[in-house]
Amino acid sequence: MRPEQQLEASSRRQTLTDVVYSLEPDENEVVRELYLETDGRRARTKDVASRLGCSASRVIKLEKRALNKLRRKPYIRDLLLDLDR
């Protein structure tokens, strides 16, 4: 990855991190575990559930709720689309 691409990716990650902290604490934790605290790959739902001490279905529910909230913020929508790729 070129330096400018690395800088852009770092900037996107920081913006998302800042916005994620506006979520409810349980949603915040799930989104951070799934998307922001990995080495560029999405964490597995069952692994996150195990680390958080809840069921995989609870993680999925919290993830969906959090992403829906974030998608309502226009400036975040494009960043989320990048994560889904």
Protein backbone atom coordinates (compact mmCIF):
# COMPACT_ATOMS: atom_id res chain seq x y z
CA MET A 1 0.00 0.00 0.00
CA ARG A 2 1.32 3.44 -0.94
CA PRO A 3 1.89 6.03 1.81
CA GLU A 4 -1.07 8.16 0.72
CA GLN A 5 -3.32 5.08 0.79
CA GLN A 6 -2.08 4.22 4.26
CA LEU A 7 -2.77 7.77 5.43
CA GLU A 8 -6.27 7.70 3.96
CA ALA A 9 -7.02 4.33 5.56
CA SER A 10 -5.72 5.58 8.90
CA SER A 11 -7.86 8.70 8.65
CA ARG A 12 -10.98 6.64 7.83
CA ARG A 13 -10.29 4.33 10.76
CA GLN A 14 -9.87 7.28 13.15
CA THR A 15 -13.11 8.90 11.96
CA LEU A 16 -14.98 5.64 12.47
CA THR A 17 -13.44 5.15 15.88
CA ASP A 18 -14.57 8.62 16.92
CA VAL A 19 -18.12 8.04 15.68
CA VAL A 20 -18.38 4.57 17.18
CA TYR A 21 -17.90 6.07 20.62
CA SER A 22 -21.23 7.89 20.14
CA LEU A 23 -23.07 4.54 20.17
CA GLU A 24 -24.51 2.80 23.21
CA PRO A 25 -21.74 1.04 25.17
CA ASP A 26 -22.70 -2.50 24.11
CA GLU A 27 -23.03 -1.48 20.44
CA ASN A 28 -19.74 0.38 20.65
CA GLU A 29 -17.96 -2.67 22.00
CA VAL A 30 -19.33 -5.01 19.33
CA VAL A 31 -18.48 -2.68 16.44
CA ARG A 32 -14.97 -2.08 17.78
CA GLU A 33 -14.40 -5.81 18.24
CA LEU A 34 -15.77 -6.71 14.79
CA TYR A 35 -14.27 -3.94 12.68
CA LEU A 36 -11.76 -1.70 14.41
CA GLU A 37 -9.58 -3.95 16.53
CA THR A 38 -8.50 -6.35 13.84
CA ASP A 39 -5.60 -6.53 11.44
CA GLY A 40 -7.72 -5.46 8.49
CA ARG A 41 -9.94 -8.53 8.51
CA ARG A 42 -13.39 -8.69 10.03
CA ALA A 43 -13.44 -10.66 13.28
CA ARG A 44 -15.64 -13.74 13.46
CA THR A 45 -18.95 -13.25 15.25
CA LYS A 46 -18.53 -16.32 17.45
CA ASP A 47 -15.06 -15.18 18.53
CA VAL A 48 -16.40 -11.74 19.49
CA ALA A 49 -19.30 -13.36 21.35
CA SER A 50 -16.88 -15.53 23.29
CA ARG A 51 -14.68 -12.56 24.23
CA LEU A 52 -17.70 -10.51 25.30
CA GLY A 53 -19.42 -13.35 27.14
CA CYS A 54 -22.64 -13.36 25.14
CA SER A 55 -24.25 -15.33 22.33
CA ALA A 56 -23.42 -14.94 18.66
CA SER A 57 -27.04 -13.95 18.00
CA ARG A 58 -26.70 -11.11 20.54
CA VAL A 59 -23.56 -9.89 18.76
CA ILE A 60 -25.37 -9.96 15.41
CA LYS A 61 -28.34 -8.03 16.85
CA LEU A 62 -26.07 -5.38 18.37
CA GLU A 63 -24.05 -5.11 15.16
CA LYS A 64 -27.14 -4.58 13.03
CA ARG A 65 -28.56 -2.00 15.41
CA ALA A 66 -25.26 -0.11 15.56
CA LEU A 67 -24.67 -0.16 11.80
CA ASN A 68 -28.21 1.07 11.18
CA LYS A 69 -27.56 4.01 13.50
CA LEU A 70 -24.27 4.76 11.78
CA ARG A 71 -25.78 4.53 8.30
CA ARG A 72 -28.16 7.35 9.20
CA LYS A 73 -25.14 9.65 9.46
CA PRO A 74 -24.44 10.72 5.85
CA TYR A 75 -20.74 11.40 6.35
CA ILE A 76 -20.25 7.89 7.73
CA ARG A 77 -22.15 5.97 5.04
CA ASP A 78 -19.23 5.89 2.59
CA LEU A 79 -16.83 4.74 5.27
CA LEU A 80 -19.13 1.87 6.17
CA LEU A 81 -19.38 0.85 2.53
CA ASP A 82 -15.58 0.55 2.49
CA LEU A 83 -15.76 -1.78 5.51
CA ASP A 84 -18.31 -4.02 3.82
CA ARG A 85 -16.00 -4.68 0.85
